[in-house]
C-alpha atoms as a PDB file:
ATOM      1  CA  UNK A   1      -7.891  14.434  13.110  1.00  0.00           C
ATOM      2  CA  UNK A   2      -7.610  11.144  14.968  1.00  0.00           C
ATOM      3  CA  UNK A   3      -6.668  11.175  18.607  1.00  0.00           C
ATOM      4  CA  UNK A   4      -3.032  10.340  19.171  1.00  0.00           C
ATOM      5  CA  UNK A   5      -0.929   9.424  22.133  1.00  0.00           C
ATOM      6  CA  UNK A   6      -1.631  11.203  25.409  1.00  0.00           C
ATOM      7  CA  UNK A   7      -4.855  12.688  24.066  1.00  0.00           C
ATOM      8  CA  UNK A   8      -2.984  14.855  21.562  1.00  0.00           C
ATOM      9  CA  UNK A   9      -4.711  15.223  18.206  1.00  0.00           C
ATOM     10  CA  UNK A  10      -2.486  14.204  15.308  1.00  0.00           C
ATOM     11  CA  UNK A  11      -2.791  13.046  11.760  1.00  0.00           C
ATOM     12  CA  UNK A  12      -1.934   9.493  10.777  1.00  0.00           C
ATOM     13  CA  UNK A  13       1.429  10.570   9.360  1.00  0.00           C
ATOM     14  CA  UNK A  14       2.502  12.041  12.694  1.00  0.00           C
ATOM     15  CA  UNK A  15       0.998   9.058  14.505  1.00  0.00           C
ATOM     16  CA  UNK A  16       3.206   6.720  12.444  1.00  0.00           C
ATOM     17  CA  UNK A  17       6.308   8.821  13.135  1.00  0.00           C
ATOM     18  CA  UNK A  18       5.645   8.922  16.871  1.00  0.00           C
ATOM     19  CA  UNK A  19       4.704   5.250  17.192  1.00  0.00           C
ATOM     20  CA  UNK A  20       7.879   4.048  15.458  1.00  0.00           C
ATOM     21  CA  UNK A  21      10.177   6.828  16.673  1.00  0.00           C
ATOM     22  CA  UNK A  22      11.236   7.713  13.140  1.00  0.00           C
ATOM     23  CA  UNK A  23      11.164  10.820  10.999  1.00  0.00           C
ATOM     24  CA  UNK A  24      10.673  11.033   7.263  1.00  0.00           C
ATOM     25  CA  UNK A  25      10.140  13.684   4.656  1.00  0.00           C
ATOM     26  CA  UNK A  26       7.552  14.344   2.007  1.00  0.00           C
ATOM     27  CA  UNK A  27       9.044  11.741  -0.314  1.00  0.00           C
ATOM     28  CA  UNK A  28       7.233   9.175   1.870  1.00  0.00           C
ATOM     29  CA  UNK A  29       3.512   8.665   2.360  1.00  0.00           C
ATOM     30  CA  UNK A  30       1.555   6.615   4.874  1.00  0.00           C
ATOM     31  CA  UNK A  31      -0.759   4.132   3.167  1.00  0.00           C
ATOM     32  CA  UNK A  32      -4.023   2.838   4.676  1.00  0.00           C
ATOM     33  CA  UNK A  33      -3.873  -0.920   4.094  1.00  0.00           C
ATOM     34  CA  UNK A  34      -7.657  -1.369   4.115  1.00  0.00           C
ATOM     35  CA  UNK A  35      -8.066   1.759   1.916  1.00  0.00           C
ATOM     36  CA  UNK A  36     -10.245   3.301   4.650  1.00  0.00           C
ATOM     37  CA  UNK A  37      -8.869   6.734   5.544  1.00  0.00           C
ATOM     38  CA  UNK A  38     -11.027   6.762   8.662  1.00  0.00           C
ATOM     39  CA  UNK A  39      -9.119   3.753  10.054  1.00  0.00           C
ATOM     40  CA  UNK A  40      -5.930   5.220  11.503  1.00  0.00           C
ATOM     41  CA  UNK A  41      -5.086   2.196  13.657  1.00  0.00           C
ATOM     42  CA  UNK A  42      -1.318   1.767  13.572  1.00  0.00           C
ATOM     43  CA  UNK A  43      -1.754  -1.801  12.268  1.00  0.00           C
ATOM     44  CA  UNK A  44      -3.573  -0.339   9.249  1.00  0.00           C
ATOM     45  CA  UNK A  45      -0.791   2.084   8.322  1.00  0.00           C
ATOM     46  CA  UNK A  46       2.248   1.397   6.162  1.00  0.00           C
ATOM     47  CA  UNK A  47       5.039   3.779   5.202  1.00  0.00           C
ATOM     48  CA  UNK A  48       5.764   3.783   1.460  1.00  0.00           C
ATOM     49  CA  UNK A  49       7.902   5.946  -0.811  1.00  0.00           C
ATOM     50  CA  UNK A  50       5.610   8.479  -2.495  1.00  0.00           C
ATOM     51  CA  UNK A  51       6.296   7.119  -5.999  1.00  0.00           C
ATOM     52  CA  UNK A  52       5.580   3.515  -4.948  1.00  0.00           C
ATOM     53  CA  UNK A  53       2.399   4.593  -3.157  1.00  0.00           C
ATOM     54  CA  UNK A  54       1.151   6.250  -6.336  1.00  0.00           C
ATOM     55  CA  UNK A  55       2.157   3.212  -8.420  1.00  0.00           C
ATOM     56  CA  UNK A  56       0.156   1.001  -6.050  1.00  0.00           C
ATOM     57  CA  UNK A  57      -3.026   3.044  -6.375  1.00  0.00           C
ATOM     58  CA  UNK A  58      -2.621   3.374 -10.158  1.00  0.00           C
ATOM     59  CA  UNK A  59      -2.141  -0.395 -10.517  1.00  0.00           C
ATOM     60  CA  UNK A  60      -5.108  -1.069  -8.229  1.00  0.00           C
ATOM     61  CA  UNK A  61      -7.323   1.296 -10.217  1.00  0.00           C
ATOM     62  CA  UNK A  62      -6.584  -0.643 -13.432  1.00  0.00           C
ATOM     63  CA  UNK A  63      -7.980  -3.885 -11.996  1.00  0.00           C
ATOM     64  CA  UNK A  64     -11.593  -4.825 -12.747  1.00  0.00           C
ATOM     65  CA  UNK A  65     -13.332  -4.652  -9.378  1.00  0.00           C
ATOM     66  CA  UNK A  66     -16.883  -5.306  -8.215  1.00  0.00           C
ATOM     67  CA  UNK A  67     -17.996  -4.766  -4.626  1.00  0.00           C
ATOM     68  CA  UNK A  68     -14.390  -4.424  -3.481  1.00  0.00           C
ATOM     69  CA  UNK A  69     -13.339  -7.734  -5.046  1.00  0.00           C
ATOM     70  CA  UNK A  70     -11.438  -8.619  -8.158  1.00  0.00           C
ATOM     71  CA  UNK A  71     -13.972  -9.361 -10.922  1.00  0.00           C
ATOM     72  CA  UNK A  72     -12.128 -11.673 -13.301  1.00  0.00           C
ATOM     73  CA  UNK A  73     -14.371 -14.736 -13.582  1.00  0.00           C
ATOM     74  CA  UNK A  74     -16.705 -13.238 -16.187  1.00  0.00           C
ATOM     75  CA  UNK A  75     -13.751 -11.949 -18.175  1.00  0.00           C
ATOM     76  CA  UNK A  76     -11.991 -15.320 -18.247  1.00  0.00           C
ATOM     77  CA  UNK A  77     -15.133 -16.947 -19.630  1.00  0.00           C
ATOM     78  CA  UNK A  78     -14.984 -14.240 -22.304  1.00  0.00           C
ATOM     79  CA  UNK A  79     -12.133 -16.117 -23.988  1.00  0.00           C
ATOM     80  CA  UNK A  80     -14.744 -18.376 -25.512  1.00  0.00           C
ATOM     81  CA  UNK A  81     -16.681 -15.331 -26.702  1.00  0.00           C
ATOM     82  CA  UNK A  82     -13.762 -13.550 -28.368  1.00  0.00           C
ATOM     83  CA  UNK A  83     -12.725 -11.523 -25.313  1.00  0.00           C
ATOM     84  CA  UNK A  84      -8.987 -11.924 -25.894  1.00  0.00           C
ATOM     85  CA  UNK A  85      -8.250  -8.186 -25.922  1.00  0.00           C
ATOM     86  CA  UNK A  86      -9.967  -7.699 -22.575  1.00  0.00           C
ATOM     87  CA  UNK A  87      -8.154 -10.703 -21.168  1.00  0.00           C
ATOM     88  CA  UNK A  88      -4.803  -9.343 -22.352  1.00  0.00           C
ATOM     89  CA  UNK A  89      -5.605  -6.047 -20.601  1.00  0.00           C
ATOM     90  CA  UNK A  90      -6.584  -7.848 -17.379  1.00  0.00           C
ATOM     91  CA  UNK A  91      -3.467 -10.007 -17.415  1.00  0.00           C
ATOM     92  CA  UNK A  92      -1.317  -6.931 -17.983  1.00  0.00           C
ATOM     93  CA  UNK A  93      -3.072  -5.081 -15.148  1.00  0.00           C
ATOM     94  CA  UNK A  94      -2.684  -8.083 -12.830  1.00  0.00           C
ATOM     95  CA  UNK A  95       0.995  -8.403 -13.703  1.00  0.00           C
ATOM     96  CA  UNK A  96       1.591  -4.700 -13.010  1.00  0.00           C
ATOM     97  CA  UNK A  97      -0.281  -4.924  -9.702  1.00  0.00           C
ATOM     98  CA  UNK A  98       1.676  -7.996  -8.580  1.00  0.00           C
ATOM     99  CA  UNK A  99       4.986  -6.258  -9.396  1.00  0.00           C
ATOM    100  CA  UNK A 100       4.026  -3.224  -7.304  1.00  0.00           C
ATOM    101  CA  UNK A 101       2.593  -5.409  -4.531  1.00  0.00           C
ATOM    102  CA  UNK A 102       5.924  -7.223  -4.146  1.00  0.00           C
ATOM    103  CA  UNK A 103       7.772  -3.892  -3.933  1.00  0.00           C
ATOM    104  CA  UNK A 104       5.362  -2.883  -1.162  1.00  0.00           C
ATOM    105  CA  UNK A 105       6.213  -6.125   0.665  1.00  0.00           C
ATOM    106  CA  UNK A 106       9.707  -4.756   1.356  1.00  0.00           C
ATOM    107  CA  UNK A 107       8.064  -1.901   3.243  1.00  0.00           C
ATOM    108  CA  UNK A 108       5.802  -4.281   5.142  1.00  0.00           C
ATOM    109  CA  UNK A 109       8.969  -6.124   6.159  1.00  0.00           C
ATOM    110  CA  UNK A 110      10.472  -2.770   7.216  1.00  0.00           C
ATOM    111  CA  UNK A 111       7.471  -2.189   9.474  1.00  0.00           C
ATOM    112  CA  UNK A 112       7.945  -5.695  10.937  1.00  0.00           C
ATOM    113  CA  UNK A 113      11.578  -4.716  11.569  1.00  0.00           C
ATOM    114  CA  UNK A 114      10.447  -1.535  13.344  1.00  0.00           C
ATOM    115  CA  UNK A 115       8.057  -3.697  15.395  1.00  0.00           C
ATOM    116  CA  UNK A 116      11.045  -5.842  16.423  1.00  0.00           C
ATOM    117  CA  UNK A 117       9.680  -8.946  14.693  1.00  0.00           C
ATOM    118  CA  UNK A 118      12.392  -9.524  12.079  1.00  0.00           C
ATOM    119  CA  UNK A 119      15.927  -8.267  11.359  1.00  0.00           C
ATOM    120  CA  UNK A 120      16.525  -5.417   8.918  1.00  0.00           C
ATOM    121  CA  UNK A 121      16.540  -7.656   5.829  1.00  0.00           C
ATOM    122  CA  UNK A 122      16.265  -4.900   3.205  1.00  0.00           C
ATOM    123  CA  UNK A 123      18.583  -2.253   4.643  1.00  0.00           C
ATOM    124  CA  UNK A 124      16.007   0.509   4.173  1.00  0.00           C
ATOM    125  CA  UNK A 125      17.375   3.915   5.169  1.00  0.00           C
ATOM    126  CA  UNK A 126      14.916   6.778   5.414  1.00  0.00           C
ATOM    127  CA  UNK A 127      16.037  10.100   4.062  1.00  0.00           C
ATOM    128  CA  UNK A 128      14.651  13.582   3.765  1.00  0.00           C
ATOM    129  CA  UNK A 129      13.393  13.912   7.319  1.00  0.00           C
ATOM    130  CA  UNK A 130      11.378  17.058   7.672  1.00  0.00           C
END
């Protein structure tokens, strides 16, 4: 487990709770923004509802990736080679990802609110504190 405040060992979920002085239940998960579970820096962590967190990873997994980057260029050129079905799939996957990404933005704003950077613009109320 990563080292927490005062030398106490804690997981990233507890680290998030302690850093922001909030409590939340199992219907929330803490997402690693850079997708690196070894990087528990508070700036790399974002609280998300469990369902949204799963939607994010599902949508991300549908995207054509190569070396950690979106690999669309070859597919777009495929239009000329009869690749319309693949392009329709990619556009659908991109659309789904963008929809989920914008839902996650509300939670990024919530973190900015907890950091004292912006007002509570979404009125997020955490429930189910364990």
